[in-house]
Amino acid sequence: MKRLSTIITVVLVLAIAGFVGRGMLHRGDYKVATGAETDPASAFTDGRANLVGATFYSAWCSACAVLDPKLRAVVPGFEGRAVEFTKFDFSIGQPEKLTDKAAALGIKTVYLQNKGATGFMALIDRRNEQIVEMISMRDSKDDIRNKIEAAIKTVSKPLEETVL
């Protein structure tokens, strides 16, 4: 009986967190890297990084709880690199401001295709709104670093070379 009450308590806390603003379990946006210290100029178009790392997150998502600390450890290492990181937090539903945020980032199509799904980061080529790579809770920190590095190389190529 005690185990059941513990489970119910945990579920209630997570549910309440999802309804209260950004939620008590929300850990905020990732630091956004700007500029380029080591990446080629071809990794940028019109002064913006071609690559966007968009995390689809929610406070109640168990996969997010596993992935988020890994991303928090890896993302700062890409400061000054040709990738822009963002987080779409669905803890309180799917507010219109998230669609506006995606449009401003140039990834609205990918956002709308994945709206409401959580527990992953999509590495998106902003030029054609194609997902280059997916990062999930199963990836180690080294896997995440390697996937981001490979995606930067991919989006540094002329667009016609990246099409399969």
Protein backbone atom coordinates (compact mmCIF):
# COMPACT_ATOMS: atom_id res chain seq x y z
CA MET A 1 0.00 0.00 0.00
CA LYS A 2 2.87 2.35 0.83
CA ARG A 3 4.41 1.69 -2.60
CA LEU A 4 1.13 2.53 -4.31
CA SER A 5 0.82 5.82 -2.41
CA THR A 6 4.42 6.69 -3.35
CA ILE A 7 3.70 6.03 -7.03
CA ILE A 8 0.53 8.11 -6.87
CA THR A 9 2.42 10.95 -5.19
CA VAL A 10 5.13 10.93 -7.88
CA VAL A 11 2.53 10.92 -10.66
CA LEU A 12 0.66 13.82 -9.05
CA VAL A 13 3.85 15.87 -8.62
CA LEU A 14 4.77 15.34 -12.28
CA ALA A 15 1.25 16.21 -13.41
CA ILE A 16 1.21 19.38 -11.33
CA ALA A 17 4.65 20.33 -12.64
CA GLY A 18 3.33 20.02 -16.18
CA PHE A 19 0.45 22.39 -15.46
CA VAL A 20 2.32 25.04 -13.51
CA GLY A 21 4.00 27.37 -15.95
CA ARG A 22 7.32 25.97 -17.04
CA GLY A 23 7.06 23.38 -14.28
CA MET A 24 9.24 22.79 -11.27
CA LEU A 25 11.17 20.15 -13.19
CA HIS A 26 11.93 22.47 -16.12
CA ARG A 27 15.62 23.19 -16.50
CA GLY A 28 15.42 26.09 -18.97
CA ASP A 29 16.78 26.64 -22.44
CA TYR A 30 20.25 25.57 -23.44
CA LYS A 31 22.93 28.16 -23.89
CA VAL A 32 22.85 29.33 -27.50
CA ALA A 33 26.16 29.32 -29.33
CA THR A 34 26.84 32.15 -31.76
CA GLY A 35 29.72 32.94 -34.09
CA ALA A 36 32.29 30.51 -35.42
CA GLU A 37 35.70 29.88 -34.00
CA THR A 38 36.60 26.66 -35.79
CA ASP A 39 33.92 26.00 -38.38
CA PRO A 40 34.11 26.99 -42.05
CA ALA A 41 32.21 30.01 -43.36
CA SER A 42 30.15 27.58 -45.44
CA ALA A 43 28.52 26.39 -42.20
CA PHE A 44 26.67 29.72 -42.13
CA THR A 45 24.08 31.33 -44.40
CA ASP A 46 23.20 35.00 -44.08
CA GLY A 47 25.18 35.23 -40.83
CA ARG A 48 23.29 32.39 -39.11
CA ALA A 49 24.46 28.86 -38.40
CA ASN A 50 22.97 26.37 -40.86
CA LEU A 51 22.51 23.83 -38.05
CA VAL A 52 19.83 24.05 -35.36
CA GLY A 53 19.78 21.60 -32.46
CA ALA A 54 16.13 21.60 -31.37
CA THR A 55 15.19 19.68 -28.24
CA PHE A 56 11.58 18.59 -27.89
CA TYR A 57 11.09 18.51 -24.11
CA SER A 58 8.52 18.18 -21.36
CA ALA A 59 8.84 18.04 -17.58
CA TRP A 60 6.77 14.84 -17.44
CA CYS A 61 8.86 13.02 -20.09
CA SER A 62 11.11 10.30 -18.65
CA ALA A 63 13.29 10.21 -21.79
CA CYS A 64 13.80 13.97 -21.37
CA ALA A 65 14.92 13.44 -17.78
CA VAL A 66 17.65 11.12 -19.07
CA LEU A 67 18.64 13.20 -22.12
CA ASP A 68 18.60 16.68 -20.58
CA PRO A 69 21.63 16.26 -18.23
CA LYS A 70 23.67 14.83 -21.12
CA LEU A 71 22.80 17.81 -23.30
CA ARG A 72 23.61 20.22 -20.47
CA ALA A 73 27.05 18.63 -20.27
CA VAL A 74 27.72 18.61 -24.03
CA VAL A 75 26.09 21.79 -25.40
CA PRO A 76 28.41 24.32 -23.68
CA GLY A 77 31.35 22.69 -25.50
CA PHE A 78 29.86 23.99 -28.76
CA GLU A 79 29.94 27.65 -27.71
CA GLY A 80 31.19 29.65 -30.67
CA ARG A 81 30.50 26.81 -33.10
CA ALA A 82 28.22 26.69 -36.14
CA VAL A 83 25.14 25.39 -34.33
CA GLU A 84 22.26 27.14 -32.61
CA PHE A 85 20.55 25.25 -29.77
CA THR A 86 16.98 25.72 -28.67
CA LYS A 87 14.40 23.88 -26.59
CA PHE A 88 10.68 23.50 -27.24
CA ASP A 89 9.09 22.89 -23.83
CA PHE A 90 5.70 21.20 -24.03
CA SER A 91 5.22 20.98 -20.24
CA ILE A 92 2.23 23.29 -20.48
CA GLY A 93 0.89 22.13 -23.81
CA GLN A 94 1.60 23.53 -27.26
CA PRO A 95 1.37 27.31 -27.03
CA GLU A 96 1.38 29.34 -30.24
CA LYS A 97 4.56 31.11 -29.08
CA LEU A 98 6.49 27.88 -29.76
CA THR A 99 5.35 27.93 -33.39
CA ASP A 100 6.51 31.56 -33.61
CA LYS A 101 9.86 30.59 -32.09
CA ALA A 102 10.29 27.79 -34.64
CA ALA A 103 9.43 30.16 -37.49
CA ALA A 104 12.00 32.68 -36.26
CA LEU A 105 14.61 29.91 -36.22
CA GLY A 106 13.68 28.85 -39.75
CA ILE A 107 12.57 25.35 -38.72
CA LYS A 108 8.79 25.72 -38.59
CA THR A 109 8.09 22.72 -40.88
CA VAL A 110 10.13 20.33 -38.70
CA TYR A 111 8.53 21.79 -35.57
CA LEU A 112 5.00 21.27 -36.91
CA GLN A 113 5.82 17.69 -37.94
CA ASN A 114 7.06 16.90 -34.40
CA LYS A 115 4.86 19.24 -32.35
CA GLY A 116 4.03 17.67 -29.00
CA ALA A 117 6.49 14.78 -29.33
CA THR A 118 9.20 14.81 -26.66
CA GLY A 119 12.39 13.11 -25.56
CA PHE A 120 14.78 13.90 -28.41
CA MET A 121 16.93 16.53 -30.09
CA ALA A 122 16.66 16.99 -33.85
CA LEU A 123 19.72 18.36 -35.64
CA ILE A 124 18.16 20.35 -38.47
CA ASP A 125 19.65 21.94 -41.57
CA ARG A 126 17.98 25.34 -41.51
CA ARG A 127 18.53 25.86 -45.27
CA ASN A 128 16.12 23.10 -46.34
CA GLU A 129 14.47 22.23 -42.99
CA GLN A 130 15.67 18.63 -43.16
CA ILE A 131 16.62 16.60 -40.09
CA VAL A 132 20.28 15.66 -40.42
CA GLU A 133 20.48 13.53 -37.26
CA MET A 134 18.45 12.60 -34.19
CA ILE A 135 19.76 12.46 -30.63
CA SER A 136 17.95 10.40 -28.00
CA MET A 137 18.36 9.25 -24.42
CA ARG A 138 20.18 6.16 -25.71
CA ASP A 139 23.11 8.27 -26.93
CA SER A 140 26.11 8.72 -24.66
CA LYS A 141 27.72 12.14 -24.23
CA ASP A 142 30.42 11.09 -26.70
CA ASP A 143 27.76 9.93 -29.19
CA ILE A 144 26.01 13.30 -28.86
CA ARG A 145 29.26 15.22 -29.44
CA ASN A 146 30.07 13.06 -32.47
CA LYS A 147 26.59 13.49 -33.95
CA ILE A 148 26.73 17.27 -33.58
CA GLU A 149 30.25 17.41 -35.10
CA ALA A 150 29.14 15.24 -38.05
CA ALA A 151 26.02 17.38 -38.54
CA ILE A 152 28.12 20.57 -38.63
CA LYS A 153 30.25 18.97 -41.36
CA THR A 154 27.14 17.91 -43.27
CA VAL A 155 25.56 21.38 -43.23
CA SER A 156 28.90 22.96 -44.23
CA LYS A 157 28.57 21.33 -47.67
CA PRO A 158 26.67 23.05 -50.47
CA LEU A 159 23.00 22.15 -50.22
CA GLU A 160 22.90 20.00 -53.36
CA GLU A 161 25.61 17.73 -51.84
CA THR A 162 23.53 17.08 -48.71
CA VAL A 163 20.50 15.74 -50.60
CA LEU A 164 20.36 11.95 -50.80
